[in-house]
Amino acid sequence: MIRFVVCLAITILSALVSLGFSTVAVMKSKGQARTIAYYAAARSLSFAVLSLVPVLTGSNAWLQAVAVGMIVVQSCDAAIGVSIHDRMKTYGPAGTAVANMIALVWFSL
C-alpha cells in the first residue's frame, strides 16, 4: 500500500507541476507562443486528470501507465531544458523524472 501511495503522490505532483508551468506559460505568452502554450497546457491538464484516476479506482496498471507517461513527459522537458541551456528547466524535470522512475520501479517490485 505504501508503495502505491508514494508512486501515486510523485506522479500526481509531477502532473500538477507540469500543469502549473504550462498554465503560467499560457498567461504570459502572446501570439504563436500562446498557441503552443495552449497545446502544452492541454497535455498537462490531461495528465493531471489521468493521474487522479488511480485515486478513485486503486488500479495498479493505471498508475503504472500514468507514471510511465509522466516520466516520458518530464524527460522530454529536461531535454528541452538542455537544448535551451537552462539549468532550472533541465534539472527540475530531470529530477522529477528520476524520482518518478525510482517510485515506479519500487512500486512494481
C-alpha atoms as a PDB file:
ATOM      1  CA  MET A   1       0.000   0.000   0.000  1.00  0.00           C
ATOM      2  CA  ILE A   2       2.780   2.473   0.888  1.00  0.00           C
ATOM      3  CA  ARG A   3       4.494   1.823  -2.463  1.00  0.00           C
ATOM      4  CA  PHE A   4       1.257   2.626  -4.289  1.00  0.00           C
ATOM      5  CA  VAL A   5       0.783   5.843  -2.316  1.00  0.00           C
ATOM      6  CA  VAL A   6       4.379   7.023  -2.845  1.00  0.00           C
ATOM      7  CA  CYS A   7       4.289   6.343  -6.593  1.00  0.00           C
ATOM      8  CA  LEU A   8       0.855   7.959  -6.838  1.00  0.00           C
ATOM      9  CA  ALA A   9       1.926  11.050  -4.895  1.00  0.00           C
ATOM     10  CA  ILE A  10       5.028  11.595  -7.035  1.00  0.00           C
ATOM     11  CA  THR A  11       3.060  11.040 -10.232  1.00  0.00           C
ATOM     12  CA  ILE A  12       0.313  13.476  -9.216  1.00  0.00           C
ATOM     13  CA  LEU A  13       2.859  16.052  -8.051  1.00  0.00           C
ATOM     14  CA  SER A  14       4.713  15.739 -11.348  1.00  0.00           C
ATOM     15  CA  ALA A  15       1.492  16.195 -13.331  1.00  0.00           C
ATOM     16  CA  LEU A  16       0.391  19.186 -11.260  1.00  0.00           C
ATOM     17  CA  VAL A  17       3.771  20.926 -11.507  1.00  0.00           C
ATOM     18  CA  SER A  18       3.679  20.423 -15.269  1.00  0.00           C
ATOM     19  CA  LEU A  19       0.150  21.856 -15.348  1.00  0.00           C
ATOM     20  CA  GLY A  20       1.244  24.842 -13.280  1.00  0.00           C
ATOM     21  CA  PHE A  21       4.144  25.694 -15.568  1.00  0.00           C
ATOM     22  CA  SER A  22       2.044  25.338 -18.697  1.00  0.00           C
ATOM     23  CA  THR A  23      -0.741  27.478 -17.208  1.00  0.00           C
ATOM     24  CA  VAL A  24       1.755  30.245 -16.434  1.00  0.00           C
ATOM     25  CA  ALA A  25       3.087  29.962 -19.990  1.00  0.00           C
ATOM     26  CA  VAL A  26      -0.425  30.459 -21.371  1.00  0.00           C
ATOM     27  CA  MET A  27      -0.974  33.543 -19.215  1.00  0.00           C
ATOM     28  CA  LYS A  28       2.388  35.133 -20.038  1.00  0.00           C
ATOM     29  CA  SER A  29       2.671  34.431 -23.758  1.00  0.00           C
ATOM     30  CA  LYS A  30       1.101  36.070 -26.805  1.00  0.00           C
ATOM     31  CA  GLY A  31       0.547  35.236 -30.441  1.00  0.00           C
ATOM     32  CA  GLN A  32       2.011  31.999 -31.799  1.00  0.00           C
ATOM     33  CA  ALA A  33       3.792  31.314 -28.495  1.00  0.00           C
ATOM     34  CA  ARG A  34       0.432  31.339 -26.739  1.00  0.00           C
ATOM     35  CA  THR A  35      -0.959  28.784 -29.179  1.00  0.00           C
ATOM     36  CA  ILE A  36       1.976  26.491 -28.432  1.00  0.00           C
ATOM     37  CA  ALA A  37       1.468  27.084 -24.695  1.00  0.00           C
ATOM     38  CA  TYR A  38      -2.177  26.036 -25.060  1.00  0.00           C
ATOM     39  CA  TYR A  39      -1.043  22.737 -26.559  1.00  0.00           C
ATOM     40  CA  ALA A  40       1.323  22.179 -23.633  1.00  0.00           C
ATOM     41  CA  ALA A  41      -1.447  23.072 -21.192  1.00  0.00           C
ATOM     42  CA  ALA A  42      -3.827  20.608 -22.848  1.00  0.00           C
ATOM     43  CA  ARG A  43      -1.236  17.841 -22.478  1.00  0.00           C
ATOM     44  CA  SER A  44      -0.580  18.799 -18.883  1.00  0.00           C
ATOM     45  CA  LEU A  45      -4.264  19.020 -17.973  1.00  0.00           C
ATOM     46  CA  SER A  46      -4.848  15.590 -19.499  1.00  0.00           C
ATOM     47  CA  PHE A  47      -2.068  14.027 -17.438  1.00  0.00           C
ATOM     48  CA  ALA A  48      -3.260  15.786 -14.286  1.00  0.00           C
ATOM     49  CA  VAL A  49      -6.743  14.313 -14.741  1.00  0.00           C
ATOM     50  CA  LEU A  50      -5.360  10.883 -15.667  1.00  0.00           C
ATOM     51  CA  SER A  51      -3.107  10.880 -12.601  1.00  0.00           C
ATOM     52  CA  LEU A  52      -6.182  11.134 -10.381  1.00  0.00           C
ATOM     53  CA  VAL A  53      -7.850   8.006 -11.783  1.00  0.00           C
ATOM     54  CA  PRO A  54      -5.863   5.618  -9.512  1.00  0.00           C
ATOM     55  CA  VAL A  55      -7.087   7.624  -6.505  1.00  0.00           C
ATOM     56  CA  LEU A  56     -10.644   6.700  -7.481  1.00  0.00           C
ATOM     57  CA  THR A  57     -10.046   3.184  -8.772  1.00  0.00           C
ATOM     58  CA  GLY A  58      -6.971   1.900  -6.949  1.00  0.00           C
ATOM     59  CA  SER A  59      -5.795   0.492 -10.278  1.00  0.00           C
ATOM     60  CA  ASN A  60      -2.149  -0.575 -10.207  1.00  0.00           C
ATOM     61  CA  ALA A  61      -1.978  -0.854 -14.002  1.00  0.00           C
ATOM     62  CA  TRP A  62      -3.422   2.622 -14.476  1.00  0.00           C
ATOM     63  CA  LEU A  63      -0.925   4.113 -12.022  1.00  0.00           C
ATOM     64  CA  GLN A  64       1.945   2.384 -13.805  1.00  0.00           C
ATOM     65  CA  ALA A  65       0.781   3.678 -17.183  1.00  0.00           C
ATOM     66  CA  VAL A  66       0.379   7.272 -15.989  1.00  0.00           C
ATOM     67  CA  ALA A  67       3.718   7.148 -14.152  1.00  0.00           C
ATOM     68  CA  VAL A  68       5.459   5.988 -17.333  1.00  0.00           C
ATOM     69  CA  GLY A  69       3.735   8.772 -19.254  1.00  0.00           C
ATOM     70  CA  MET A  70       4.902  11.406 -16.770  1.00  0.00           C
ATOM     71  CA  ILE A  71       8.445  10.006 -16.832  1.00  0.00           C
ATOM     72  CA  VAL A  72       8.460  10.440 -20.611  1.00  0.00           C
ATOM     73  CA  VAL A  73       6.973  13.949 -20.405  1.00  0.00           C
ATOM     74  CA  GLN A  74       9.439  15.103 -17.746  1.00  0.00           C
ATOM     75  CA  SER A  75      12.365  13.532 -19.604  1.00  0.00           C
ATOM     76  CA  CYS A  76      11.364  15.411 -22.755  1.00  0.00           C
ATOM     77  CA  ASP A  77      11.013  18.626 -20.725  1.00  0.00           C
ATOM     78  CA  ALA A  78      14.530  18.074 -19.354  1.00  0.00           C
ATOM     79  CA  ALA A  79      15.847  17.568 -22.884  1.00  0.00           C
ATOM     80  CA  ILE A  80      14.269  20.883 -23.871  1.00  0.00           C
ATOM     81  CA  GLY A  81      15.968  22.477 -20.864  1.00  0.00           C
ATOM     82  CA  VAL A  82      19.312  21.120 -22.086  1.00  0.00           C
ATOM     83  CA  SER A  83      18.706  22.431 -25.604  1.00  0.00           C
ATOM     84  CA  ILE A  84      17.960  25.954 -24.347  1.00  0.00           C
ATOM     85  CA  HIS A  85      20.825  25.863 -21.819  1.00  0.00           C
ATOM     86  CA  ASP A  86      18.548  26.461 -18.821  1.00  0.00           C
ATOM     87  CA  ARG A  87      19.685  24.590 -15.711  1.00  0.00           C
ATOM     88  CA  MET A  88      16.404  25.017 -13.826  1.00  0.00           C
ATOM     89  CA  LYS A  89      14.388  23.726 -16.780  1.00  0.00           C
ATOM     90  CA  THR A  90      16.817  20.823 -17.086  1.00  0.00           C
ATOM     91  CA  TYR A  91      17.381  19.684 -13.506  1.00  0.00           C
ATOM     92  CA  GLY A  92      13.811  20.221 -12.270  1.00  0.00           C
ATOM     93  CA  PRO A  93      12.116  17.941 -14.792  1.00  0.00           C
ATOM     94  CA  ALA A  94      15.061  15.511 -14.800  1.00  0.00           C
ATOM     95  CA  GLY A  95      14.881  15.193 -11.019  1.00  0.00           C
ATOM     96  CA  THR A  96      11.140  14.643 -11.172  1.00  0.00           C
ATOM     97  CA  ALA A  97      11.549  12.000 -13.881  1.00  0.00           C
ATOM     98  CA  VAL A  98      14.190  10.185 -11.837  1.00  0.00           C
ATOM     99  CA  ALA A  99      12.085  10.338  -8.663  1.00  0.00           C
ATOM    100  CA  ASN A 100       9.066   9.035 -10.576  1.00  0.00           C
ATOM    101  CA  MET A 101      11.173   6.241 -12.113  1.00  0.00           C
ATOM    102  CA  ILE A 102      12.506   5.167  -8.717  1.00  0.00           C
ATOM    103  CA  ALA A 103       8.997   5.210  -7.239  1.00  0.00           C
ATOM    104  CA  LEU A 104       7.628   3.245 -10.182  1.00  0.00           C
ATOM    105  CA  VAL A 105      10.340   0.586 -10.005  1.00  0.00           C
ATOM    106  CA  TRP A 106       9.875   0.276  -6.227  1.00  0.00           C
ATOM    107  CA  PHE A 107       6.099   0.069  -6.645  1.00  0.00           C
ATOM    108  CA  SER A 108       6.403  -2.550  -9.389  1.00  0.00           C
ATOM    109  CA  LEU A 109       8.646  -4.924  -7.381  1.00  0.00           C
END
